[in-house]
Amino acid sequence: MTEQSLVLGISGSLRKNSNNSGLLRAASELLPEGMSLEIYDIAAIPLYNNDLVAEGLPPSVQEFKTRIASADALLIATPEYNYSIPGVLKNAIDWASRPPNESSFPGKPLAIMGAGGVMGTSRAQSHLRQIASGLNMLALNKPEVMVQRAWEKFDQDGNLTDESTRKQVKDLLAALQEWTLRLKGIQVN
């Protein structure tokens, strides 16, 4: 396959040894041929304030929007906080969608994964899909990667050690690559 796809990876956790950031690091090791992954840290994005939009987007927000625009697809790894996505992830999404006529998201292919507790991150992923729909992102429906009992599948440094989960991530990346190429109108074998 000669077509190269750049995927922007975003973790919904700011924690140093986050399992969700670990999912993205594992993804960078499991990429199919023709795909590259850039992991973007959203920690520098300020709290959303519409007054700041009127003054011009903060540099960290402008950089984030530029990275999204230059990516062929997005890969979001989200934890689940209080049955939903973390505030820091929602904040970054809100910034990148503003102003509405300059949203970075319409038509952007998206894959979602997450590591969490007994239910994985099923509710957070469901909410993220609702947000993606509202922003006209094109979310990949299958396969799903909802890592249950993450504490058993990552080491103390947040590195993914479970082989079956690594295979799930690899399968998700292959499906994202195919989805991205199809949306570009490129014939997929």
N, C-alpha and C. Protein backbone atom coordinates (compact mmCIF):
# COMPACT_ATOMS: atom_id res chain seq x y z
N MET A 1 0.85 -1.17 0.00
CA MET A 1 0.00 0.00 0.00
C MET A 1 0.90 1.23 0.00
N THR A 2 0.74 2.11 -0.93
CA THR A 2 1.60 3.27 -1.05
C THR A 2 1.02 4.51 -0.37
N GLU A 3 -0.27 4.56 -0.16
CA GLU A 3 -0.89 5.71 0.49
C GLU A 3 -0.50 5.74 1.96
N GLN A 4 0.02 6.87 2.42
CA GLN A 4 0.44 7.04 3.80
C GLN A 4 -0.66 7.76 4.56
N SER A 5 -1.01 7.27 5.75
CA SER A 5 -2.03 7.91 6.58
C SER A 5 -1.40 8.37 7.88
N LEU A 6 -1.60 9.64 8.22
CA LEU A 6 -1.15 10.19 9.50
C LEU A 6 -2.32 10.22 10.45
N VAL A 7 -2.15 9.57 11.60
CA VAL A 7 -3.18 9.54 12.63
C VAL A 7 -2.70 10.37 13.81
N LEU A 8 -3.58 11.24 14.31
CA LEU A 8 -3.28 12.02 15.50
C LEU A 8 -3.89 11.30 16.69
N GLY A 9 -3.06 10.89 17.63
CA GLY A 9 -3.51 10.21 18.83
C GLY A 9 -3.67 11.18 19.99
N ILE A 10 -4.79 11.08 20.69
CA ILE A 10 -5.10 11.97 21.80
C ILE A 10 -5.51 11.12 23.00
N SER A 11 -4.83 11.33 24.12
CA SER A 11 -5.21 10.66 25.36
C SER A 11 -6.10 11.59 26.17
N GLY A 12 -7.15 11.04 26.72
CA GLY A 12 -8.05 11.80 27.58
C GLY A 12 -7.56 11.89 29.01
N SER A 13 -6.36 11.43 29.26
CA SER A 13 -5.79 11.48 30.61
C SER A 13 -4.48 12.25 30.59
N LEU A 14 -4.26 13.04 31.62
CA LEU A 14 -3.02 13.79 31.76
C LEU A 14 -2.04 13.09 32.71
N ARG A 15 -2.47 12.02 33.34
CA ARG A 15 -1.63 11.32 34.33
C ARG A 15 -0.37 10.78 33.68
N LYS A 16 0.74 10.91 34.35
CA LYS A 16 2.05 10.52 33.81
C LYS A 16 2.06 9.07 33.32
N ASN A 17 1.61 8.14 34.12
CA ASN A 17 1.62 6.72 33.75
C ASN A 17 0.23 6.23 33.39
N SER A 18 -0.51 7.05 32.70
CA SER A 18 -1.88 6.74 32.31
C SER A 18 -1.94 5.48 31.44
N ASN A 19 -2.89 4.62 31.74
CA ASN A 19 -3.12 3.44 30.90
C ASN A 19 -3.61 3.84 29.51
N ASN A 20 -4.38 4.92 29.43
CA ASN A 20 -4.88 5.35 28.14
C ASN A 20 -3.77 5.93 27.28
N SER A 21 -2.85 6.64 27.87
CA SER A 21 -1.66 7.06 27.14
C SER A 21 -0.83 5.84 26.76
N GLY A 22 -0.83 4.83 27.63
CA GLY A 22 -0.15 3.56 27.33
C GLY A 22 -0.77 2.86 26.13
N LEU A 23 -2.09 2.96 25.97
CA LEU A 23 -2.74 2.39 24.78
C LEU A 23 -2.22 3.07 23.52
N LEU A 24 -2.04 4.37 23.58
CA LEU A 24 -1.51 5.10 22.42
C LEU A 24 -0.06 4.71 22.14
N ARG A 25 0.74 4.56 23.20
CA ARG A 25 2.13 4.12 22.99
C ARG A 25 2.16 2.73 22.36
N ALA A 26 1.29 1.85 22.83
CA ALA A 26 1.21 0.51 22.23
C ALA A 26 0.79 0.61 20.77
N ALA A 27 -0.16 1.50 20.49
CA ALA A 27 -0.62 1.68 19.10
C ALA A 27 0.55 2.09 18.22
N SER A 28 1.44 2.93 18.73
CA SER A 28 2.58 3.37 17.91
C SER A 28 3.51 2.21 17.56
N GLU A 29 3.46 1.14 18.33
CA GLU A 29 4.27 -0.06 18.07
C GLU A 29 3.55 -1.06 17.16
N LEU A 30 2.25 -0.88 16.96
CA LEU A 30 1.43 -1.87 16.28
C LEU A 30 0.83 -1.36 14.97
N LEU A 31 1.35 -0.28 14.46
CA LEU A 31 0.79 0.35 13.26
C LEU A 31 0.92 -0.54 12.03
N PRO A 32 -0.12 -0.56 11.20
CA PRO A 32 0.01 -1.26 9.92
C PRO A 32 0.93 -0.47 8.99
N GLU A 33 1.45 -1.14 8.00
CA GLU A 33 2.28 -0.48 7.00
C GLU A 33 1.48 0.64 6.35
N GLY A 34 2.11 1.78 6.17
CA GLY A 34 1.45 2.90 5.54
C GLY A 34 0.75 3.84 6.51
N MET A 35 0.87 3.59 7.82
CA MET A 35 0.23 4.44 8.81
C MET A 35 1.29 4.94 9.78
N SER A 36 1.20 6.23 10.12
CA SER A 36 2.05 6.77 11.17
C SER A 36 1.15 7.41 12.23
N LEU A 37 1.68 7.50 13.45
CA LEU A 37 0.90 8.02 14.57
C LEU A 37 1.70 9.11 15.27
N GLU A 38 1.07 10.25 15.44
CA GLU A 38 1.63 11.34 16.23
C GLU A 38 0.76 11.46 17.47
N ILE A 39 1.37 11.34 18.64
CA ILE A 39 0.62 11.47 19.90
C ILE A 39 0.70 12.92 20.35
N TYR A 40 -0.46 13.52 20.57
CA TYR A 40 -0.54 14.92 20.94
C TYR A 40 -0.96 15.06 22.40
N ASP A 41 -0.21 15.84 23.16
CA ASP A 41 -0.48 16.08 24.57
C ASP A 41 -1.36 17.32 24.70
N ILE A 42 -2.54 17.15 25.29
CA ILE A 42 -3.50 18.25 25.40
C ILE A 42 -3.35 19.04 26.71
N ALA A 43 -2.31 18.77 27.48
CA ALA A 43 -2.14 19.41 28.80
C ALA A 43 -2.04 20.93 28.73
N ALA A 44 -1.50 21.49 27.66
CA ALA A 44 -1.29 22.94 27.58
C ALA A 44 -2.54 23.71 27.14
N ILE A 45 -3.59 23.02 26.81
CA ILE A 45 -4.80 23.70 26.33
C ILE A 45 -5.54 24.29 27.53
N PRO A 46 -5.79 25.61 27.52
CA PRO A 46 -6.45 26.24 28.67
C PRO A 46 -7.93 25.85 28.75
N LEU A 47 -8.54 26.18 29.87
CA LEU A 47 -9.97 25.96 30.01
C LEU A 47 -10.70 26.81 28.98
N TYR A 48 -11.73 26.22 28.38
CA TYR A 48 -12.47 26.93 27.33
C TYR A 48 -13.14 28.17 27.92
N ASN A 49 -12.98 29.27 27.21
CA ASN A 49 -13.61 30.52 27.58
C ASN A 49 -13.90 31.26 26.28
N ASN A 50 -15.15 31.46 25.97
CA ASN A 50 -15.53 32.08 24.71
C ASN A 50 -14.98 33.50 24.57
N ASP A 51 -14.70 34.17 25.69
CA ASP A 51 -14.08 35.50 25.60
C ASP A 51 -12.71 35.41 24.93
N LEU A 52 -12.00 34.30 25.16
CA LEU A 52 -10.69 34.13 24.54
C LEU A 52 -10.80 33.94 23.04
N VAL A 53 -11.89 33.35 22.58
CA VAL A 53 -12.11 33.16 21.14
C VAL A 53 -12.19 34.52 20.47
N ALA A 54 -12.89 35.45 21.09
CA ALA A 54 -13.04 36.79 20.53
C ALA A 54 -11.69 37.51 20.43
N GLU A 55 -10.76 37.18 21.35
CA GLU A 55 -9.43 37.81 21.35
C GLU A 55 -8.47 37.10 20.39
N GLY A 56 -8.87 35.96 19.87
CA GLY A 56 -7.98 35.14 19.05
C GLY A 56 -7.63 33.88 19.80
N LEU A 57 -7.54 32.77 19.10
CA LEU A 57 -7.29 31.50 19.76
C LEU A 57 -5.92 31.49 20.44
N PRO A 58 -5.85 30.94 21.66
CA PRO A 58 -4.54 30.79 22.31
C PRO A 58 -3.63 29.94 21.42
N PRO A 59 -2.31 30.18 21.46
CA PRO A 59 -1.38 29.44 20.60
C PRO A 59 -1.49 27.92 20.75
N SER A 60 -1.70 27.42 21.97
CA SER A 60 -1.80 25.97 22.16
C SER A 60 -3.04 25.41 21.46
N VAL A 61 -4.10 26.18 21.43
CA VAL A 61 -5.33 25.76 20.75
C VAL A 61 -5.13 25.80 19.24
N GLN A 62 -4.50 26.85 18.76
CA GLN A 62 -4.26 26.96 17.32
C GLN A 62 -3.38 25.80 16.84
N GLU A 63 -2.35 25.46 17.64
CA GLU A 63 -1.49 24.32 17.28
C GLU A 63 -2.30 23.03 17.24
N PHE A 64 -3.14 22.83 18.23
CA PHE A 64 -3.98 21.63 18.29
C PHE A 64 -4.88 21.54 17.06
N LYS A 65 -5.53 22.63 16.71
CA LYS A 65 -6.40 22.66 15.54
C LYS A 65 -5.61 22.38 14.26
N THR A 66 -4.40 22.92 14.17
CA THR A 66 -3.55 22.67 13.00
C THR A 66 -3.17 21.21 12.90
N ARG A 67 -2.84 20.60 14.02
CA ARG A 67 -2.47 19.17 14.01
C ARG A 67 -3.65 18.31 13.61
N ILE A 68 -4.83 18.64 14.10
CA ILE A 68 -6.03 17.89 13.71
C ILE A 68 -6.26 18.03 12.21
N ALA A 69 -6.17 19.24 11.72
CA ALA A 69 -6.41 19.49 10.29
C ALA A 69 -5.42 18.74 9.41
N SER A 70 -4.17 18.60 9.85
CA SER A 70 -3.16 17.93 9.03
C SER A 70 -3.22 16.41 9.14
N ALA A 71 -3.94 15.90 10.12
CA ALA A 71 -4.05 14.45 10.29
C ALA A 71 -5.11 13.89 9.34
N ASP A 72 -4.87 12.67 8.89
CA ASP A 72 -5.87 11.98 8.07
C ASP A 72 -6.98 11.38 8.92
N ALA A 73 -6.67 11.09 10.19
CA ALA A 73 -7.64 10.47 11.10
C ALA A 73 -7.24 10.77 12.53
N LEU A 74 -8.17 10.53 13.44
CA LEU A 74 -7.92 10.70 14.87
C LEU A 74 -8.09 9.37 15.59
N LEU A 75 -7.30 9.18 16.64
CA LEU A 75 -7.39 8.02 17.52
C LEU A 75 -7.43 8.56 18.94
N ILE A 76 -8.57 8.41 19.59
CA ILE A 76 -8.72 8.92 20.96
C ILE A 76 -8.78 7.74 21.93
N ALA A 77 -7.92 7.81 22.95
CA ALA A 77 -7.93 6.84 24.05
C ALA A 77 -8.48 7.56 25.27
N THR A 78 -9.64 7.13 25.73
CA THR A 78 -10.28 7.84 26.83
C THR A 78 -10.53 6.97 28.05
N PRO A 79 -10.19 7.49 29.23
CA PRO A 79 -10.67 6.84 30.44
C PRO A 79 -12.15 7.18 30.64
N GLU A 80 -12.74 6.61 31.66
CA GLU A 80 -14.13 6.93 32.00
C GLU A 80 -14.15 7.54 33.38
N TYR A 81 -14.65 8.78 33.45
CA TYR A 81 -14.80 9.48 34.72
C TYR A 81 -16.29 9.75 34.92
N ASN A 82 -16.84 9.27 35.99
CA ASN A 82 -18.24 9.55 36.33
C ASN A 82 -19.19 9.25 35.16
N TYR A 83 -18.99 8.09 34.54
CA TYR A 83 -19.84 7.59 33.45
C TYR A 83 -19.66 8.36 32.15
N SER A 84 -18.60 9.13 31.99
CA SER A 84 -18.43 9.91 30.78
C SER A 84 -16.95 10.13 30.49
N ILE A 85 -16.67 11.00 29.52
CA ILE A 85 -15.28 11.32 29.19
C ILE A 85 -14.75 12.33 30.20
N PRO A 86 -13.43 12.38 30.38
CA PRO A 86 -12.84 13.35 31.30
C PRO A 86 -13.05 14.79 30.81
N GLY A 87 -13.13 15.70 31.75
CA GLY A 87 -13.31 17.11 31.42
C GLY A 87 -12.20 17.65 30.54
N VAL A 88 -10.98 17.20 30.76
CA VAL A 88 -9.85 17.71 29.98
C VAL A 88 -10.00 17.34 28.50
N LEU A 89 -10.54 16.17 28.21
CA LEU A 89 -10.77 15.76 26.83
C LEU A 89 -11.91 16.57 26.22
N LYS A 90 -12.99 16.73 26.95
CA LYS A 90 -14.14 17.52 26.46
C LYS A 90 -13.69 18.95 26.21
N ASN A 91 -12.87 19.49 27.09
CA ASN A 91 -12.36 20.85 26.93
C ASN A 91 -11.57 20.98 25.63
N ALA A 92 -10.69 20.04 25.35
CA ALA A 92 -9.88 20.08 24.12
C ALA A 92 -10.78 19.99 22.89
N ILE A 93 -11.77 19.11 22.95
CA ILE A 93 -12.71 18.97 21.83
C ILE A 93 -13.49 20.26 21.63
N ASP A 94 -13.95 20.86 22.72
CA ASP A 94 -14.70 22.12 22.61
C ASP A 94 -13.85 23.20 21.94
N TRP A 95 -12.59 23.33 22.34
CA TRP A 95 -11.72 24.32 21.73
C TRP A 95 -11.55 24.06 20.23
N ALA A 96 -11.28 22.81 19.87
CA ALA A 96 -11.02 22.49 18.46
C ALA A 96 -12.25 22.65 17.59
N SER A 97 -13.42 22.72 18.20
CA SER A 97 -14.66 22.87 17.43
C SER A 97 -15.09 24.34 17.31
N ARG A 98 -14.29 25.26 17.84
CA ARG A 98 -14.65 26.67 17.86
C ARG A 98 -13.73 27.50 16.98
N PRO A 99 -14.18 28.59 16.45
CA PRO A 99 -15.59 28.92 16.28
C PRO A 99 -16.27 27.88 15.39
N PRO A 100 -17.59 27.75 15.52
CA PRO A 100 -18.30 26.66 14.83
C PRO A 100 -18.04 26.56 13.33
N ASN A 101 -17.89 27.68 12.67
CA ASN A 101 -17.65 27.64 11.22
C ASN A 101 -16.19 27.32 10.89
N GLU A 102 -15.35 27.14 11.93
CA GLU A 102 -13.95 26.78 11.74
C GLU A 102 -13.59 25.52 12.52
N SER A 103 -14.57 24.67 12.76
CA SER A 103 -14.33 23.43 13.49
C SER A 103 -13.32 22.56 12.75
N SER A 104 -12.49 21.89 13.50
CA SER A 104 -11.46 21.01 12.93
C SER A 104 -11.99 19.62 12.61
N PHE A 105 -13.20 19.32 12.98
CA PHE A 105 -13.65 17.93 12.99
C PHE A 105 -14.51 17.43 11.83
N PRO A 106 -15.30 18.23 11.13
CA PRO A 106 -16.21 17.65 10.13
C PRO A 106 -15.49 16.76 9.11
N GLY A 107 -16.03 15.56 8.96
CA GLY A 107 -15.51 14.60 8.00
C GLY A 107 -14.25 13.86 8.44
N LYS A 108 -13.79 14.09 9.65
CA LYS A 108 -12.54 13.48 10.12
C LYS A 108 -12.82 12.06 10.61
N PRO A 109 -12.14 11.04 10.04
CA PRO A 109 -12.28 9.67 10.56
C PRO A 109 -11.78 9.60 12.00
N LEU A 110 -12.45 8.80 12.81
CA LEU A 110 -12.14 8.69 14.23
C LEU A 110 -12.24 7.25 14.68
N ALA A 111 -11.24 6.81 15.46
CA ALA A 111 -11.32 5.53 16.17
C ALA A 111 -11.19 5.84 17.65
N ILE A 112 -11.90 5.06 18.46
CA ILE A 112 -11.95 5.28 19.90
C ILE A 112 -11.52 4.00 20.61
N MET A 113 -10.75 4.16 21.67
CA MET A 113 -10.40 3.04 22.55
C MET A 113 -10.28 3.58 23.96
N GLY A 114 -10.26 2.68 24.92
CA GLY A 114 -10.12 3.14 26.30
C GLY A 114 -9.84 2.00 27.25
N ALA A 115 -9.15 2.35 28.33
CA ALA A 115 -8.81 1.40 29.38
C ALA A 115 -9.42 1.88 30.68
N GLY A 116 -10.10 0.96 31.36
CA GLY A 116 -10.77 1.35 32.60
C GLY A 116 -10.99 0.21 33.55
N GLY A 117 -12.13 0.23 34.21
CA GLY A 117 -12.45 -0.73 35.25
C GLY A 117 -13.20 -1.94 34.73
N VAL A 118 -14.15 -2.40 35.50
CA VAL A 118 -14.86 -3.63 35.19
C VAL A 118 -15.63 -3.54 33.88
N MET A 119 -16.13 -2.36 33.54
CA MET A 119 -16.89 -2.19 32.29
C MET A 119 -16.02 -1.60 31.18
N GLY A 120 -14.72 -1.56 31.39
CA GLY A 120 -13.87 -0.91 30.39
C GLY A 120 -14.19 0.56 30.40
N THR A 121 -14.46 1.11 29.26
CA THR A 121 -14.84 2.53 29.17
C THR A 121 -16.08 2.67 28.29
N SER A 122 -17.00 1.74 28.42
CA SER A 122 -18.15 1.68 27.53
C SER A 122 -19.01 2.93 27.57
N ARG A 123 -19.25 3.47 28.76
CA ARG A 123 -20.11 4.67 28.84
C ARG A 123 -19.38 5.90 28.31
N ALA A 124 -18.10 6.02 28.61
CA ALA A 124 -17.32 7.15 28.09
C ALA A 124 -17.27 7.09 26.57
N GLN A 125 -17.04 5.89 26.03
CA GLN A 125 -16.98 5.77 24.58
C GLN A 125 -18.32 6.09 23.94
N SER A 126 -19.40 5.70 24.59
CA SER A 126 -20.73 6.03 24.08
C SER A 126 -20.92 7.54 24.04
N HIS A 127 -20.53 8.22 25.10
CA HIS A 127 -20.66 9.69 25.12
C HIS A 127 -19.75 10.34 24.09
N LEU A 128 -18.55 9.81 23.92
CA LEU A 128 -17.64 10.36 22.92
C LEU A 128 -18.21 10.19 21.51
N ARG A 129 -18.88 9.07 21.27
CA ARG A 129 -19.53 8.87 19.97
C ARG A 129 -20.64 9.90 19.74
N GLN A 130 -21.39 10.23 20.80
CA GLN A 130 -22.43 11.27 20.68
C GLN A 130 -21.81 12.61 20.32
N ILE A 131 -20.72 12.95 21.00
CA ILE A 131 -20.03 14.21 20.72
C ILE A 131 -19.51 14.21 19.29
N ALA A 132 -18.89 13.10 18.89
CA ALA A 132 -18.35 12.99 17.53
C ALA A 132 -19.46 13.16 16.49
N SER A 133 -20.61 12.59 16.75
CA SER A 133 -21.74 12.72 15.83
C SER A 133 -22.17 14.18 15.71
N GLY A 134 -22.24 14.86 16.82
CA GLY A 134 -22.62 16.27 16.81
C GLY A 134 -21.62 17.15 16.08
N LEU A 135 -20.37 16.71 16.01
CA LEU A 135 -19.32 17.48 15.33
C LEU A 135 -19.04 16.96 13.92
N ASN A 136 -19.85 16.01 13.47
CA ASN A 136 -19.74 15.42 12.15
C ASN A 136 -18.42 14.70 11.90
N MET A 137 -17.86 14.13 12.98
CA MET A 137 -16.72 13.23 12.81
C MET A 137 -17.28 11.89 12.35
N LEU A 138 -16.46 11.11 11.68
CA LEU A 138 -16.90 9.83 11.14
C LEU A 138 -16.28 8.70 11.95
N ALA A 139 -16.97 8.34 13.03
CA ALA A 139 -16.45 7.36 13.97
C ALA A 139 -16.55 5.94 13.42
N LEU A 140 -15.47 5.22 13.56
CA LEU A 140 -15.41 3.80 13.22
C LEU A 140 -16.18 3.04 14.28
N ASN A 141 -17.11 2.19 13.86
CA ASN A 141 -17.94 1.48 14.83
C ASN A 141 -17.31 0.20 15.38
N LYS A 142 -16.61 -0.53 14.56
CA LYS A 142 -16.03 -1.81 14.96
C LYS A 142 -14.63 -1.92 14.38
N PRO A 143 -13.72 -2.57 15.02
CA PRO A 143 -13.85 -3.25 16.31
C PRO A 143 -13.81 -2.25 17.46
N GLU A 144 -14.27 -2.68 18.60
CA GLU A 144 -14.23 -1.85 19.80
C GLU A 144 -13.08 -2.31 20.68
N VAL A 145 -12.43 -1.36 21.32
CA VAL A 145 -11.37 -1.67 22.28
C VAL A 145 -11.77 -1.01 23.60
N MET A 146 -12.32 -1.83 24.49
CA MET A 146 -12.72 -1.39 25.82
C MET A 146 -12.00 -2.28 26.82
N VAL A 147 -10.85 -1.82 27.27
CA VAL A 147 -9.99 -2.63 28.12
C VAL A 147 -10.56 -2.68 29.53
N GLN A 148 -11.04 -3.85 29.89
CA GLN A 148 -11.59 -4.06 31.23
C GLN A 148 -10.47 -4.45 32.19
N ARG A 149 -10.63 -4.03 33.45
CA ARG A 149 -9.67 -4.39 34.50
C ARG A 149 -8.25 -4.03 34.05
N ALA A 150 -8.10 -2.78 33.66
CA ALA A 150 -6.84 -2.31 33.07
C ALA A 150 -5.65 -2.57 33.99
N TRP A 151 -5.85 -2.54 35.28
CA TRP A 151 -4.76 -2.75 36.23
C TRP A 151 -4.09 -4.11 36.06
N GLU A 152 -4.78 -5.04 35.39
CA GLU A 152 -4.21 -6.36 35.14
C GLU A 152 -3.47 -6.42 33.79
N LYS A 153 -3.61 -5.40 32.96
CA LYS A 153 -3.11 -5.46 31.59
C LYS A 153 -2.00 -4.45 31.29
N PHE A 154 -1.68 -3.62 32.26
CA PHE A 154 -0.63 -2.62 32.12
C PHE A 154 0.35 -2.77 33.28
N ASP A 155 1.60 -2.44 33.03
CA ASP A 155 2.57 -2.46 34.12
C ASP A 155 2.48 -1.14 34.90
N GLN A 156 3.31 -0.99 35.91
CA GLN A 156 3.24 0.19 36.78
C GLN A 156 3.58 1.49 36.06
N ASP A 157 4.23 1.40 34.91
CA ASP A 157 4.57 2.58 34.13
C ASP A 157 3.53 2.90 33.04
N GLY A 158 2.41 2.17 33.04
CA GLY A 158 1.36 2.42 32.06
C GLY A 158 1.62 1.79 30.70
N ASN A 159 2.47 0.79 30.63
CA ASN A 159 2.75 0.10 29.37
C ASN A 159 1.85 -1.12 29.23
N LEU A 160 1.26 -1.27 28.07
CA LEU A 160 0.36 -2.38 27.79
C LEU A 160 1.16 -3.68 27.67
N THR A 161 0.86 -4.64 28.53
CA THR A 161 1.59 -5.91 28.54
C THR A 161 0.73 -7.10 28.11
N ASP A 162 -0.57 -6.91 28.01
CA ASP A 162 -1.49 -8.00 27.69
C ASP A 162 -1.55 -8.22 26.17
N GLU A 163 -1.18 -9.41 25.73
CA GLU A 163 -1.10 -9.72 24.29
C GLU A 163 -2.46 -9.69 23.60
N SER A 164 -3.51 -10.16 24.26
CA SER A 164 -4.82 -10.14 23.60
C SER A 164 -5.30 -8.70 23.40
N THR A 165 -5.00 -7.83 24.32
CA THR A 165 -5.37 -6.42 24.16
C THR A 165 -4.53 -5.78 23.07
N ARG A 166 -3.25 -6.14 23.00
CA ARG A 166 -2.39 -5.61 21.93
C ARG A 166 -2.96 -6.01 20.56
N LYS A 167 -3.48 -7.23 20.45
CA LYS A 167 -4.09 -7.66 19.19
C LYS A 167 -5.34 -6.84 18.88
N GLN A 168 -6.14 -6.54 19.90
CA GLN A 168 -7.33 -5.71 19.70
C GLN A 168 -6.94 -4.33 19.16
N VAL A 169 -5.89 -3.75 19.74
CA VAL A 169 -5.43 -2.43 19.29
C VAL A 169 -4.93 -2.52 17.85
N LYS A 170 -4.19 -3.57 17.54
CA LYS A 170 -3.68 -3.77 16.18
C LYS A 170 -4.83 -3.89 15.19
N ASP A 171 -5.86 -4.65 15.55
CA ASP A 171 -7.03 -4.81 14.68
C ASP A 171 -7.78 -3.48 14.50
N LEU A 172 -7.87 -2.68 15.56
CA LEU A 172 -8.51 -1.38 15.47
C LEU A 172 -7.75 -0.47 14.51
N LEU A 173 -6.42 -0.49 14.59
CA LEU A 173 -5.60 0.34 13.70
C LEU A 173 -5.76 -0.07 12.24
N ALA A 174 -5.81 -1.36 12.00
CA ALA A 174 -6.00 -1.84 10.62
C ALA A 174 -7.36 -1.40 10.10
N ALA A 175 -8.39 -1.48 10.94
CA ALA A 175 -9.73 -1.05 10.52
C ALA A 175 -9.76 0.46 10.31
N LEU A 176 -9.06 1.23 11.15
CA LEU A 176 -9.01 2.68 10.98
C LEU A 176 -8.32 3.04 9.68
N GLN A 177 -7.25 2.32 9.36
CA GLN A 177 -6.55 2.59 8.11
C GLN A 177 -7.47 2.34 6.91
N GLU A 178 -8.16 1.21 6.93
CA GLU A 178 -9.08 0.90 5.83
C GLU A 178 -10.21 1.93 5.75
N TRP A 179 -10.76 2.32 6.89
CA TRP A 179 -11.84 3.31 6.96
C TRP A 179 -11.37 4.65 6.40
N THR A 180 -10.18 5.07 6.80
CA THR A 180 -9.63 6.35 6.34
C THR A 180 -9.43 6.35 4.83
N LEU A 181 -8.88 5.26 4.31
CA LEU A 181 -8.65 5.17 2.86
C LEU A 181 -9.96 5.15 2.09
N ARG A 182 -10.94 4.40 2.59
CA ARG A 182 -12.25 4.36 1.93
C ARG A 182 -12.88 5.75 1.87
N LEU A 183 -12.76 6.49 2.98
CA LEU A 183 -13.34 7.84 3.01
C LEU A 183 -12.62 8.79 2.08
N LYS A 184 -11.36 8.50 1.79
CA LYS A 184 -10.60 9.29 0.80
C LYS A 184 -10.92 8.87 -0.62
N GLY A 185 -11.70 7.79 -0.77
CA GLY A 185 -12.04 7.28 -2.09
C GLY A 185 -10.98 6.40 -2.68
N ILE A 186 -10.11 5.84 -1.84
CA ILE A 186 -9.05 4.96 -2.32
C ILE A 186 -9.51 3.52 -2.19
N GLN A 187 -9.39 2.78 -3.24
CA GLN A 187 -9.79 1.37 -3.27
C GLN A 187 -8.96 0.58 -2.26
N VAL A 188 -9.64 -0.20 -1.43
CA VAL A 188 -9.00 -1.04 -0.42
C VAL A 188 -9.18 -2.49 -0.82
N ASN A 189 -8.10 -3.26 -0.72
CA ASN A 189 -8.19 -4.70 -1.09
C ASN A 189 -9.13 -5.46 -0.22
